[in-house]
């Protein structure tokens, strides 16, 4: 009925197996994290350069521009399209509002 207590050697071998499993799991975690880092780096390298300028349109497909932005402006909405500096200047001259966050009018040197 009473099993003899495991020997010290048996206990140490058990501990060794547990630690080997822990080490294997840690190495898998490291491999996974290295793979994620590589994918993140490749994604950053593959990301296209932002446009120089953006023009934002209203809700309708045929609506007029509502604002102009620099290409890296984080306030530009989903309805923004890349464009060139001349188009931005013309839009500003036509009364389209410049973004108060990125100030494309200031960057282009356009004064009211």
PDB file of N, CA and C in Angstrom:
ATOM      1  N   UNK A   1       0.804  -1.188   0.000  1.00  0.00           N
ATOM      2  CA  UNK A   1       0.000   0.000   0.000  1.00  0.00           C
ATOM      3  C   UNK A   1       0.849   1.255   0.000  1.00  0.00           C
ATOM      4  N   UNK A   2       1.784   1.342   0.883  1.00  0.00           N
ATOM      5  CA  UNK A   2       2.647   2.518   0.940  1.00  0.00           C
ATOM      6  C   UNK A   2       3.775   2.351  -0.055  1.00  0.00           C
ATOM      7  N   UNK A   3       3.779   3.261  -1.039  1.00  0.00           N
ATOM      8  CA  UNK A   3       4.881   3.257  -1.998  1.00  0.00           C
ATOM      9  C   UNK A   3       6.083   3.899  -1.333  1.00  0.00           C
ATOM     10  N   UNK A   4       7.258   3.363  -1.660  1.00  0.00           N
ATOM     11  CA  UNK A   4       8.448   3.981  -1.076  1.00  0.00           C
ATOM     12  C   UNK A   4       8.620   5.401  -1.630  1.00  0.00           C
ATOM     13  N   UNK A   5       9.138   6.286  -0.856  1.00  0.00           N
ATOM     14  CA  UNK A   5       9.382   7.668  -1.294  1.00  0.00           C
ATOM     15  C   UNK A   5      10.405   7.660  -2.415  1.00  0.00           C
ATOM     16  N   UNK A   6      10.207   8.552  -3.419  1.00  0.00           N
ATOM     17  CA  UNK A   6      11.196   8.605  -4.506  1.00  0.00           C
ATOM     18  C   UNK A   6      12.558   9.029  -3.957  1.00  0.00           C
ATOM     19  N   UNK A   7      13.550   8.523  -4.610  1.00  0.00           N
ATOM     20  CA  UNK A   7      14.903   8.870  -4.179  1.00  0.00           C
ATOM     21  C   UNK A   7      15.233  10.303  -4.581  1.00  0.00           C
ATOM     22  N   UNK A   8      16.252  10.825  -3.985  1.00  0.00           N
ATOM     23  CA  UNK A   8      16.707  12.177  -4.324  1.00  0.00           C
ATOM     24  C   UNK A   8      17.075  12.250  -5.799  1.00  0.00           C
ATOM     25  N   UNK A   9      17.680  11.215  -6.327  1.00  0.00           N
ATOM     26  CA  UNK A   9      18.052  11.181  -7.744  1.00  0.00           C
ATOM     27  C   UNK A   9      16.805  11.219  -8.625  1.00  0.00           C
ATOM     28  N   UNK A  10      15.768  10.461  -8.259  1.00  0.00           N
ATOM     29  CA  UNK A  10      14.523  10.485  -9.035  1.00  0.00           C
ATOM     30  C   UNK A  10      13.910  11.893  -9.031  1.00  0.00           C
ATOM     31  N   UNK A  11      13.944  12.541  -7.886  1.00  0.00           N
ATOM     32  CA  UNK A  11      13.404  13.898  -7.791  1.00  0.00           C
ATOM     33  C   UNK A  11      14.200  14.883  -8.639  1.00  0.00           C
ATOM     34  N   UNK A  12      15.498  14.744  -8.652  1.00  0.00           N
ATOM     35  CA  UNK A  12      16.337  15.640  -9.464  1.00  0.00           C
ATOM     36  C   UNK A  12      16.114  15.409 -10.951  1.00  0.00           C
ATOM     37  N   UNK A  13      15.928  14.170 -11.362  1.00  0.00           N
ATOM     38  CA  UNK A  13      15.646  13.883 -12.785  1.00  0.00           C
ATOM     39  C   UNK A  13      14.274  14.442 -13.177  1.00  0.00           C
ATOM     40  N   UNK A  14      13.307  14.353 -12.264  1.00  0.00           N
ATOM     41  CA  UNK A  14      11.992  14.944 -12.522  1.00  0.00           C
ATOM     42  C   UNK A  14      12.133  16.464 -12.691  1.00  0.00           C
ATOM     43  N   UNK A  15      12.864  17.099 -11.805  1.00  0.00           N
ATOM     44  CA  UNK A  15      13.094  18.533 -11.897  1.00  0.00           C
ATOM     45  C   UNK A  15      13.770  18.903 -13.212  1.00  0.00           C
ATOM     46  N   UNK A  16      14.716  18.081 -13.620  1.00  0.00           N
ATOM     47  CA  UNK A  16      15.410  18.329 -14.880  1.00  0.00           C
ATOM     48  C   UNK A  16      14.432  18.300 -16.051  1.00  0.00           C
ATOM     49  N   UNK A  17      13.532  17.323 -16.088  1.00  0.00           N
ATOM     50  CA  UNK A  17      12.542  17.229 -17.172  1.00  0.00           C
ATOM     51  C   UNK A  17      11.627  18.459 -17.184  1.00  0.00           C
ATOM     52  N   UNK A  18      11.200  18.879 -16.011  1.00  0.00           N
ATOM     53  CA  UNK A  18      10.339  20.061 -15.923  1.00  0.00           C
ATOM     54  C   UNK A  18      11.082  21.292 -16.441  1.00  0.00           C
ATOM     55  N   UNK A  19      12.320  21.448 -16.043  1.00  0.00           N
ATOM     56  CA  UNK A  19      13.090  22.612 -16.484  1.00  0.00           C
ATOM     57  C   UNK A  19      13.373  22.560 -17.979  1.00  0.00           C
ATOM     58  N   UNK A  20      13.599  21.374 -18.528  1.00  0.00           N
ATOM     59  CA  UNK A  20      13.797  21.252 -19.977  1.00  0.00           C
ATOM     60  C   UNK A  20      12.528  21.657 -20.726  1.00  0.00           C
ATOM     61  N   UNK A  21      11.375  21.269 -20.198  1.00  0.00           N
ATOM     62  CA  UNK A  21      10.111  21.672 -20.824  1.00  0.00           C
ATOM     63  C   UNK A  21       9.928  23.184 -20.737  1.00  0.00           C
ATOM     64  N   UNK A  22      10.263  23.760 -19.578  1.00  0.00           N
ATOM     65  CA  UNK A  22      10.178  25.216 -19.424  1.00  0.00           C
ATOM     66  C   UNK A  22      11.119  25.926 -20.399  1.00  0.00           C
ATOM     67  N   UNK A  23      12.321  25.414 -20.522  1.00  0.00           N
ATOM     68  CA  UNK A  23      13.291  26.011 -21.439  1.00  0.00           C
ATOM     69  C   UNK A  23      12.809  25.902 -22.883  1.00  0.00           C
ATOM     70  N   UNK A  24      12.257  24.771 -23.255  1.00  0.00           N
ATOM     71  CA  UNK A  24      11.736  24.592 -24.613  1.00  0.00           C
ATOM     72  C   UNK A  24      10.602  25.584 -24.876  1.00  0.00           C
ATOM     73  N   UNK A  25       9.708  25.764 -23.909  1.00  0.00           N
ATOM     74  CA  UNK A  25       8.607  26.716 -24.058  1.00  0.00           C
ATOM     75  C   UNK A  25       9.143  28.136 -24.186  1.00  0.00           C
ATOM     76  N   UNK A  26      10.128  28.498 -23.379  1.00  0.00           N
ATOM     77  CA  UNK A  26      10.725  29.834 -23.451  1.00  0.00           C
ATOM     78  C   UNK A  26      11.376  30.060 -24.810  1.00  0.00           C
ATOM     79  N   UNK A  27      12.048  29.043 -25.318  1.00  0.00           N
ATOM     80  CA  UNK A  27      12.673  29.177 -26.649  1.00  0.00           C
ATOM     81  C   UNK A  27      11.623  29.342 -27.735  1.00  0.00           C
ATOM     82  N   UNK A  28      10.472  28.668 -27.609  1.00  0.00           N
ATOM     83  CA  UNK A  28       9.383  28.857 -28.580  1.00  0.00           C
ATOM     84  C   UNK A  28       8.872  30.290 -28.510  1.00  0.00           C
ATOM     85  N   UNK A  29       8.728  30.821 -27.288  1.00  0.00           N
ATOM     86  CA  UNK A  29       8.289  32.201 -27.133  1.00  0.00           C
ATOM     87  C   UNK A  29       9.277  33.165 -27.781  1.00  0.00           C
ATOM     88  N   UNK A  30      10.555  32.905 -27.593  1.00  0.00           N
ATOM     89  CA  UNK A  30      11.591  33.751 -28.209  1.00  0.00           C
ATOM     90  C   UNK A  30      11.497  33.669 -29.725  1.00  0.00           C
ATOM     91  N   UNK A  31      11.369  32.467 -30.268  1.00  0.00           N
ATOM     92  CA  UNK A  31      11.238  32.299 -31.722  1.00  0.00           C
ATOM     93  C   UNK A  31      10.021  33.055 -32.248  1.00  0.00           C
ATOM     94  N   UNK A  32       8.892  32.929 -31.539  1.00  0.00           N
ATOM     95  CA  UNK A  32       7.678  33.630 -31.963  1.00  0.00           C
ATOM     96  C   UNK A  32       7.881  35.138 -31.948  1.00  0.00           C
ATOM     97  N   UNK A  33       8.508  35.651 -30.907  1.00  0.00           N
ATOM     98  CA  UNK A  33       8.731  37.093 -30.804  1.00  0.00           C
ATOM     99  C   UNK A  33       9.703  37.584 -31.875  1.00  0.00           C
ATOM    100  N   UNK A  34      10.739  36.800 -32.159  1.00  0.00           N
ATOM    101  CA  UNK A  34      11.674  37.173 -33.234  1.00  0.00           C
ATOM    102  C   UNK A  34      10.964  37.202 -34.578  1.00  0.00           C
ATOM    103  N   UNK A  35      10.057  36.262 -34.804  1.00  0.00           N
ATOM    104  CA  UNK A  35       9.301  36.223 -36.050  1.00  0.00           C
ATOM    105  C   UNK A  35       8.394  37.463 -36.157  1.00  0.00           C
ATOM    106  N   UNK A  36       7.729  37.819 -35.052  1.00  0.00           N
ATOM    107  CA  UNK A  36       6.882  39.016 -35.053  1.00  0.00           C
ATOM    108  C   UNK A  36       7.703  40.284 -35.306  1.00  0.00           C
ATOM    109  N   UNK A  37       8.866  40.370 -34.675  1.00  0.00           N
ATOM    110  CA  UNK A  37       9.735  41.534 -34.893  1.00  0.00           C
ATOM    111  C   UNK A  37      10.169  41.631 -36.357  1.00  0.00           C
ATOM    112  N   UNK A  38      10.521  40.501 -36.947  1.00  0.00           N
ATOM    113  CA  UNK A  38      10.924  40.485 -38.352  1.00  0.00           C
ATOM    114  C   UNK A  38       9.775  40.922 -39.241  1.00  0.00           C
ATOM    115  N   UNK A  39       8.579  40.404 -38.985  1.00  0.00           N
ATOM    116  CA  UNK A  39       7.408  40.791 -39.775  1.00  0.00           C
ATOM    117  C   UNK A  39       7.101  42.267 -39.606  1.00  0.00           C
ATOM    118  N   UNK A  40       7.209  42.784 -38.394  1.00  0.00           N
ATOM    119  CA  UNK A  40       6.964  44.199 -38.133  1.00  0.00           C
ATOM    120  C   UNK A  40       7.963  45.061 -38.905  1.00  0.00           C
ATOM    121  N   UNK A  41       9.229  44.677 -38.872  1.00  0.00           N
ATOM    122  CA  UNK A  41      10.268  45.425 -39.587  1.00  0.00           C
ATOM    123  C   UNK A  41      10.015  45.392 -41.093  1.00  0.00           C
ATOM    124  N   UNK A  42       9.685  44.211 -41.619  1.00  0.00           N
ATOM    125  CA  UNK A  42       9.415  44.096 -43.053  1.00  0.00           C
ATOM    126  C   UNK A  42       8.201  44.924 -43.453  1.00  0.00           C
ATOM    127  N   UNK A  43       7.188  44.956 -42.579  1.00  0.00           N
ATOM    128  CA  UNK A  43       6.010  45.772 -42.850  1.00  0.00           C
ATOM    129  C   UNK A  43       6.346  47.244 -42.897  1.00  0.00           C
ATOM    130  N   UNK A  44       7.196  47.687 -41.981  1.00  0.00           N
ATOM    131  CA  UNK A  44       7.606  49.090 -41.977  1.00  0.00           C
ATOM    132  C   UNK A  44       8.411  49.427 -43.225  1.00  0.00           C
ATOM    133  N   UNK A  45       9.262  48.513 -43.650  1.00  0.00           N
ATOM    134  CA  UNK A  45      10.075  48.748 -44.839  1.00  0.00           C
ATOM    135  C   UNK A  45       9.220  48.780 -46.103  1.00  0.00           C
ATOM    136  N   UNK A  46       8.145  47.988 -46.129  1.00  0.00           N
ATOM    137  CA  UNK A  46       7.294  47.892 -47.317  1.00  0.00           C
ATOM    138  C   UNK A  46       6.249  49.011 -47.374  1.00  0.00           C
ATOM    139  N   UNK A  47       6.076  49.736 -46.260  1.00  0.00           N
ATOM    140  CA  UNK A  47       5.065  50.786 -46.226  1.00  0.00           C
ATOM    141  C   UNK A  47       5.444  51.886 -47.208  1.00  0.00           C
ATOM    142  N   UNK A  48       4.500  52.291 -48.052  1.00  0.00           N
ATOM    143  CA  UNK A  48       4.816  53.359 -49.006  1.00  0.00           C
ATOM    144  C   UNK A  48       5.015  54.695 -48.290  1.00  0.00           C
ATOM    145  N   UNK A  49       5.766  55.556 -48.911  1.00  0.00           N
ATOM    146  CA  UNK A  49       5.989  56.892 -48.371  1.00  0.00           C
ATOM    147  C   UNK A  49       4.666  57.657 -48.378  1.00  0.00           C
ATOM    148  N   UNK A  50       4.403  58.473 -47.373  1.00  0.00           N
ATOM    149  CA  UNK A  50       3.168  59.259 -47.391  1.00  0.00           C
ATOM    150  C   UNK A  50       3.246  60.316 -48.494  1.00  0.00           C
ATOM    151  N   UNK A  51       2.098  60.718 -49.002  1.00  0.00           N
ATOM    152  CA  UNK A  51       2.120  61.770 -50.022  1.00  0.00           C
ATOM    153  C   UNK A  51       2.548  63.089 -49.383  1.00  0.00           C
ATOM    154  N   UNK A  52       2.918  64.041 -50.209  1.00  0.00           N
ATOM    155  CA  UNK A  52       3.312  65.347 -49.687  1.00  0.00           C
ATOM    156  C   UNK A  52       2.099  66.133 -49.193  1.00  0.00           C
ATOM    157  N   UNK A  53       0.980  65.997 -49.918  1.00  0.00           N
ATOM    158  CA  UNK A  53      -0.206  66.789 -49.620  1.00  0.00           C
ATOM    159  C   UNK A  53      -1.458  65.934 -49.757  1.00  0.00           C
ATOM    160  N   UNK A  54      -2.492  66.305 -48.981  1.00  0.00           N
ATOM    161  CA  UNK A  54      -3.769  65.593 -49.042  1.00  0.00           C
ATOM    162  C   UNK A  54      -4.894  66.622 -49.143  1.00  0.00           C
ATOM    163  N   UNK A  55      -5.933  66.241 -49.878  1.00  0.00           N
ATOM    164  CA  UNK A  55      -7.128  67.071 -49.950  1.00  0.00           C
ATOM    165  C   UNK A  55      -8.302  66.211 -49.494  1.00  0.00           C
ATOM    166  N   UNK A  56      -9.077  66.731 -48.578  1.00  0.00           N
ATOM    167  CA  UNK A  56     -10.176  65.974 -47.970  1.00  0.00           C
ATOM    168  C   UNK A  56     -11.501  66.421 -48.572  1.00  0.00           C
ATOM    169  N   UNK A  57     -12.326  65.424 -48.900  1.00  0.00           N
ATOM    170  CA  UNK A  57     -13.624  65.684 -49.513  1.00  0.00           C
ATOM    171  C   UNK A  57     -14.743  65.383 -48.532  1.00  0.00           C
ATOM    172  N   UNK A  58     -15.935  65.900 -48.835  1.00  0.00           N
ATOM    173  CA  UNK A  58     -17.107  65.677 -47.992  1.00  0.00           C
ATOM    174  C   UNK A  58     -17.658  64.267 -48.153  1.00  0.00           C
ATOM    175  N   UNK A  59     -18.850  64.059 -47.602  1.00  0.00           N
ATOM    176  CA  UNK A  59     -19.455  62.731 -47.573  1.00  0.00           C
ATOM    177  C   UNK A  59     -19.882  62.212 -48.938  1.00  0.00           C
ATOM    178  N   UNK A  60     -20.376  63.078 -49.778  1.00  0.00           N
ATOM    179  CA  UNK A  60     -20.862  62.632 -51.090  1.00  0.00           C
ATOM    180  C   UNK A  60     -19.720  62.369 -52.048  1.00  0.00           C
ATOM    181  N   UNK A  61     -19.981  61.495 -52.986  1.00  0.00           N
ATOM    182  CA  UNK A  61     -18.974  61.155 -53.986  1.00  0.00           C
ATOM    183  C   UNK A  61     -18.588  62.376 -54.803  1.00  0.00           C
ATOM    184  N   UNK A  62     -19.557  63.260 -55.055  1.00  0.00           N
ATOM    185  CA  UNK A  62     -19.330  64.437 -55.903  1.00  0.00           C
ATOM    186  C   UNK A  62     -19.126  65.717 -55.096  1.00  0.00           C
ATOM    187  N   UNK A  63     -18.894  65.605 -53.795  1.00  0.00           N
ATOM    188  CA  UNK A  63     -18.789  66.802 -52.965  1.00  0.00           C
ATOM    189  C   UNK A  63     -17.476  67.542 -53.198  1.00  0.00           C
ATOM    190  N   UNK A  64     -17.496  68.790 -52.812  1.00  0.00           N
ATOM    191  CA  UNK A  64     -16.325  69.647 -52.955  1.00  0.00           C
ATOM    192  C   UNK A  64     -15.339  69.375 -51.821  1.00  0.00           C
ATOM    193  N   UNK A  65     -14.098  69.808 -51.993  1.00  0.00           N
ATOM    194  CA  UNK A  65     -13.113  69.642 -50.916  1.00  0.00           C
ATOM    195  C   UNK A  65     -13.554  70.389 -49.659  1.00  0.00           C
ATOM    196  N   UNK A  66     -13.265  69.793 -48.514  1.00  0.00           N
ATOM    197  CA  UNK A  66     -13.619  70.424 -47.235  1.00  0.00           C
ATOM    198  C   UNK A  66     -12.397  70.903 -46.467  1.00  0.00           C
ATOM    199  N   UNK A  67     -11.229  70.321 -46.746  1.00  0.00           N
ATOM    200  CA  UNK A  67     -10.013  70.717 -46.030  1.00  0.00           C
ATOM    201  C   UNK A  67      -8.791  70.241 -46.802  1.00  0.00           C
ATOM    202  N   UNK A  68      -7.676  70.887 -46.530  1.00  0.00           N
ATOM    203  CA  UNK A  68      -6.402  70.449 -47.103  1.00  0.00           C
ATOM    204  C   UNK A  68      -5.440  70.147 -45.952  1.00  0.00           C
ATOM    205  N   UNK A  69      -4.548  69.191 -46.189  1.00  0.00           N
ATOM    206  CA  UNK A  69      -3.623  68.714 -45.153  1.00  0.00           C
ATOM    207  C   UNK A  69      -2.247  68.471 -45.748  1.00  0.00           C
ATOM    208  N   UNK A  70      -1.244  68.435 -44.880  1.00  0.00           N
ATOM    209  CA  UNK A  70       0.056  67.915 -45.296  1.00  0.00           C
ATOM    210  C   UNK A  70      -0.088  66.393 -45.381  1.00  0.00           C
ATOM    211  N   UNK A  71       0.799  65.745 -46.070  1.00  0.00           N
ATOM    212  CA  UNK A  71       0.685  64.302 -46.280  1.00  0.00           C
ATOM    213  C   UNK A  71       0.798  63.467 -45.026  1.00  0.00           C
ATOM    214  N   UNK A  72       1.480  63.952 -44.011  1.00  0.00           N
ATOM    215  CA  UNK A  72       1.664  63.179 -42.784  1.00  0.00           C
ATOM    216  C   UNK A  72       0.687  63.566 -41.680  1.00  0.00           C
ATOM    217  N   UNK A  73      -0.298  64.373 -42.008  1.00  0.00           N
ATOM    218  CA  UNK A  73      -1.251  64.839 -40.999  1.00  0.00           C
ATOM    219  C   UNK A  73      -2.103  63.676 -40.493  1.00  0.00           C
ATOM    220  N   UNK A  74      -2.158  63.537 -39.190  1.00  0.00           N
ATOM    221  CA  UNK A  74      -2.956  62.466 -38.592  1.00  0.00           C
ATOM    222  C   UNK A  74      -4.426  62.848 -38.481  1.00  0.00           C
ATOM    223  N   UNK A  75      -4.758  64.088 -38.777  1.00  0.00           N
ATOM    224  CA  UNK A  75      -6.150  64.535 -38.706  1.00  0.00           C
ATOM    225  C   UNK A  75      -6.877  64.375 -40.039  1.00  0.00           C
ATOM    226  N   UNK A  76      -6.160  64.036 -41.091  1.00  0.00           N
ATOM    227  CA  UNK A  76      -6.797  63.840 -42.399  1.00  0.00           C
ATOM    228  C   UNK A  76      -7.731  62.633 -42.315  1.00  0.00           C
ATOM    229  N   UNK A  77      -8.950  62.818 -42.776  1.00  0.00           N
ATOM    230  CA  UNK A  77      -9.949  61.755 -42.695  1.00  0.00           C
ATOM    231  C   UNK A  77      -9.800  60.711 -43.795  1.00  0.00           C
ATOM    232  N   UNK A  78     -10.689  59.738 -43.749  1.00  0.00           N
ATOM    233  CA  UNK A  78     -10.651  58.640 -44.731  1.00  0.00           C
ATOM    234  C   UNK A  78     -10.966  59.115 -46.143  1.00  0.00           C
ATOM    235  N   UNK A  79     -11.647  60.233 -46.243  1.00  0.00           N
ATOM    236  CA  UNK A  79     -12.024  60.729 -47.572  1.00  0.00           C
ATOM    237  C   UNK A  79     -10.949  61.652 -48.152  1.00  0.00           C
ATOM    238  N   UNK A  80      -9.741  61.553 -47.650  1.00  0.00           N
ATOM    239  CA  UNK A  80      -8.630  62.369 -48.149  1.00  0.00           C
ATOM    240  C   UNK A  80      -7.915  61.646 -49.279  1.00  0.00           C
ATOM    241  N   UNK A  81      -7.506  62.417 -50.253  1.00  0.00           N
ATOM    242  CA  UNK A  81      -6.803  61.869 -51.416  1.00  0.00           C
ATOM    243  C   UNK A  81      -5.463  62.587 -51.574  1.00  0.00           C
ATOM    244  N   UNK A  82      -4.425  61.861 -52.011  1.00  0.00           N
ATOM    245  CA  UNK A  82      -3.132  62.513 -52.249  1.00  0.00           C
ATOM    246  C   UNK A  82      -3.229  63.489 -53.424  1.00  0.00           C
ATOM    247  N   UNK A  83      -2.484  64.546 -53.344  1.00  0.00           N
ATOM    248  CA  UNK A  83      -2.477  65.531 -54.426  1.00  0.00           C
ATOM    249  C   UNK A  83      -1.148  66.274 -54.422  1.00  0.00           C
ATOM    250  N   UNK A  84      -1.008  67.261 -55.302  1.00  0.00           N
ATOM    251  CA  UNK A  84       0.247  68.012 -55.393  1.00  0.00           C
ATOM    252  C   UNK A  84       0.089  69.402 -54.772  1.00  0.00           C
ATOM    253  N   UNK A  85       1.190  70.095 -54.637  1.00  0.00           N
ATOM    254  CA  UNK A  85       1.202  71.404 -53.977  1.00  0.00           C
ATOM    255  C   UNK A  85       0.387  72.439 -54.753  1.00  0.00           C
ATOM    256  N   UNK A  86       0.414  72.391 -56.083  1.00  0.00           N
ATOM    257  CA  UNK A  86      -0.354  73.366 -56.869  1.00  0.00           C
ATOM    258  C   UNK A  86      -1.852  73.202 -56.630  1.00  0.00           C
ATOM    259  N   UNK A  87      -2.319  71.977 -56.543  1.00  0.00           N
ATOM    260  CA  UNK A  87      -3.737  71.739 -56.278  1.00  0.00           C
ATOM    261  C   UNK A  87      -4.103  72.267 -54.894  1.00  0.00           C
ATOM    262  N   UNK A  88      -3.225  72.092 -53.929  1.00  0.00           N
ATOM    263  CA  UNK A  88      -3.469  72.608 -52.583  1.00  0.00           C
ATOM    264  C   UNK A  88      -3.530  74.135 -52.609  1.00  0.00           C
ATOM    265  N   UNK A  89      -2.612  74.763 -53.311  1.00  0.00           N
ATOM    266  CA  UNK A  89      -2.622  76.237 -53.408  1.00  0.00           C
ATOM    267  C   UNK A  89      -3.921  76.736 -54.035  1.00  0.00           C
ATOM    268  N   UNK A  90      -4.347  76.078 -55.129  1.00  0.00           N
ATOM    269  CA  UNK A  90      -5.596  76.482 -55.788  1.00  0.00           C
ATOM    270  C   UNK A  90      -6.793  76.295 -54.848  1.00  0.00           C
ATOM    271  N   UNK A  91      -6.798  75.186 -54.115  1.00  0.00           N
ATOM    272  CA  UNK A  91      -7.902  74.932 -53.184  1.00  0.00           C
ATOM    273  C   UNK A  91      -7.927  75.994 -52.088  1.00  0.00           C
ATOM    274  N   UNK A  92      -6.770  76.336 -51.565  1.00  0.00           N
ATOM    275  CA  UNK A  92      -6.712  77.383 -50.537  1.00  0.00           C
ATOM    276  C   UNK A  92      -7.187  78.719 -51.096  1.00  0.00           C
ATOM    277  N   UNK A  93      -6.791  79.030 -52.332  1.00  0.00           N
ATOM    278  CA  UNK A  93      -7.221  80.280 -52.965  1.00  0.00           C
ATOM    279  C   UNK A  93      -8.731  80.274 -53.207  1.00  0.00           C
ATOM    280  N   UNK A  94      -9.304  79.095 -53.422  1.00  0.00           N
ATOM    281  CA  UNK A  94     -10.745  78.975 -53.660  1.00  0.00           C
ATOM    282  C   UNK A  94     -11.545  78.957 -52.359  1.00  0.00           C
ATOM    283  N   UNK A  95     -10.870  79.012 -51.218  1.00  0.00           N
ATOM    284  CA  UNK A  95     -11.573  79.095 -49.950  1.00  0.00           C
ATOM    285  C   UNK A  95     -11.667  77.808 -49.157  1.00  0.00           C
ATOM    286  N   UNK A  96     -11.007  76.756 -49.619  1.00  0.00           N
ATOM    287  CA  UNK A  96     -11.005  75.513 -48.848  1.00  0.00           C
ATOM    288  C   UNK A  96     -10.185  75.754 -47.582  1.00  0.00           C
ATOM    289  N   UNK A  97     -10.699  75.307 -46.462  1.00  0.00           N
ATOM    290  CA  UNK A  97     -10.053  75.550 -45.173  1.00  0.00           C
ATOM    291  C   UNK A  97      -8.791  74.706 -45.001  1.00  0.00           C
ATOM    292  N   UNK A  98      -7.714  75.324 -44.536  1.00  0.00           N
ATOM    293  CA  UNK A  98      -6.524  74.535 -44.201  1.00  0.00           C
ATOM    294  C   UNK A  98      -6.734  73.845 -42.851  1.00  0.00           C
ATOM    295  N   UNK A  99      -6.146  72.712 -42.683  1.00  0.00           N
ATOM    296  CA  UNK A  99      -6.212  71.991 -41.413  1.00  0.00           C
ATOM    297  C   UNK A  99      -5.517  72.847 -40.347  1.00  0.00           C
ATOM    298  N   UNK A 100      -6.191  73.026 -39.218  1.00  0.00           N
ATOM    299  CA  UNK A 100      -5.594  73.839 -38.158  1.00  0.00           C
ATOM    300  C   UNK A 100      -4.543  73.059 -37.367  1.00  0.00           C
ATOM    301  N   UNK A 101      -4.452  71.772 -37.617  1.00  0.00           N
ATOM    302  CA  UNK A 101      -3.476  70.929 -36.925  1.00  0.00           C
ATOM    303  C   UNK A 101      -2.131  70.923 -37.653  1.00  0.00           C
ATOM    304  N   UNK A 102      -2.143  70.659 -38.967  1.00  0.00           N
ATOM    305  CA  UNK A 102      -0.875  70.541 -39.718  1.00  0.00           C
ATOM    306  C   UNK A 102      -0.491  71.827 -40.452  1.00  0.00           C
ATOM    307  N   UNK A 103      -1.419  72.747 -40.600  1.00  0.00           N
ATOM    308  CA  UNK A 103      -1.185  74.055 -41.204  1.00  0.00           C
ATOM    309  C   UNK A 103      -0.478  73.983 -42.568  1.00  0.00           C
ATOM    310  N   UNK A 104      -1.108  73.384 -43.577  1.00  0.00           N
ATOM    311  CA  UNK A 104      -0.473  73.320 -44.902  1.00  0.00           C
ATOM    312  C   UNK A 104      -0.288  74.693 -45.531  1.00  0.00           C
ATOM    313  N   UNK A 105      -1.159  75.649 -45.191  1.00  0.00           N
ATOM    314  CA  UNK A 105      -1.022  76.995 -45.745  1.00  0.00           C
ATOM    315  C   UNK A 105       0.273  77.641 -45.280  1.00  0.00           C
ATOM    316  N   UNK A 106       0.606  77.460 -44.024  1.00  0.00           N
ATOM    317  CA  UNK A 106       1.854  77.998 -43.480  1.00  0.00           C
ATOM    318  C   UNK A 106       3.064  77.321 -44.120  1.00  0.00           C
ATOM    319  N   UNK A 107       2.961  76.007 -44.276  1.00  0.00           N
ATOM    320  CA  UNK A 107       4.095  75.266 -44.850  1.00  0.00           C
ATOM    321  C   UNK A 107       4.327  75.663 -46.306  1.00  0.00           C
ATOM    322  N   UNK A 108       3.243  75.974 -47.020  1.00  0.00           N
ATOM    323  CA  UNK A 108       3.379  76.411 -48.419  1.00  0.00           C
ATOM    324  C   UNK A 108       3.670  77.903 -48.546  1.00  0.00           C
ATOM    325  N   UNK A 109       3.569  78.642 -47.451  1.00  0.00           N
ATOM    326  CA  UNK A 109       3.795  80.082 -47.508  1.00  0.00           C
ATOM    327  C   UNK A 109       2.624  80.838 -48.077  1.00  0.00           C
ATOM    328  N   UNK A 110       1.434  80.268 -48.028  1.00  0.00           N
ATOM    329  CA  UNK A 110       0.232  80.931 -48.547  1.00  0.00           C
ATOM    330  C   UNK A 110      -0.366  81.767 -47.419  1.00  0.00           C
ATOM    331  N   UNK A 111      -0.517  83.059 -47.671  1.00  0.00           N
ATOM    332  CA  UNK A 111      -1.088  83.955 -46.678  1.00  0.00           C
ATOM    333  C   UNK A 111      -2.459  84.395 -47.151  1.00  0.00           C
ATOM    334  N   UNK A 112      -3.364  84.597 -46.198  1.00  0.00           N
ATOM    335  CA  UNK A 112      -4.729  85.080 -46.551  1.00  0.00           C
ATOM    336  C   UNK A 112      -4.695  86.480 -47.076  1.00  0.00           C
TER     337      UNK A 112
END
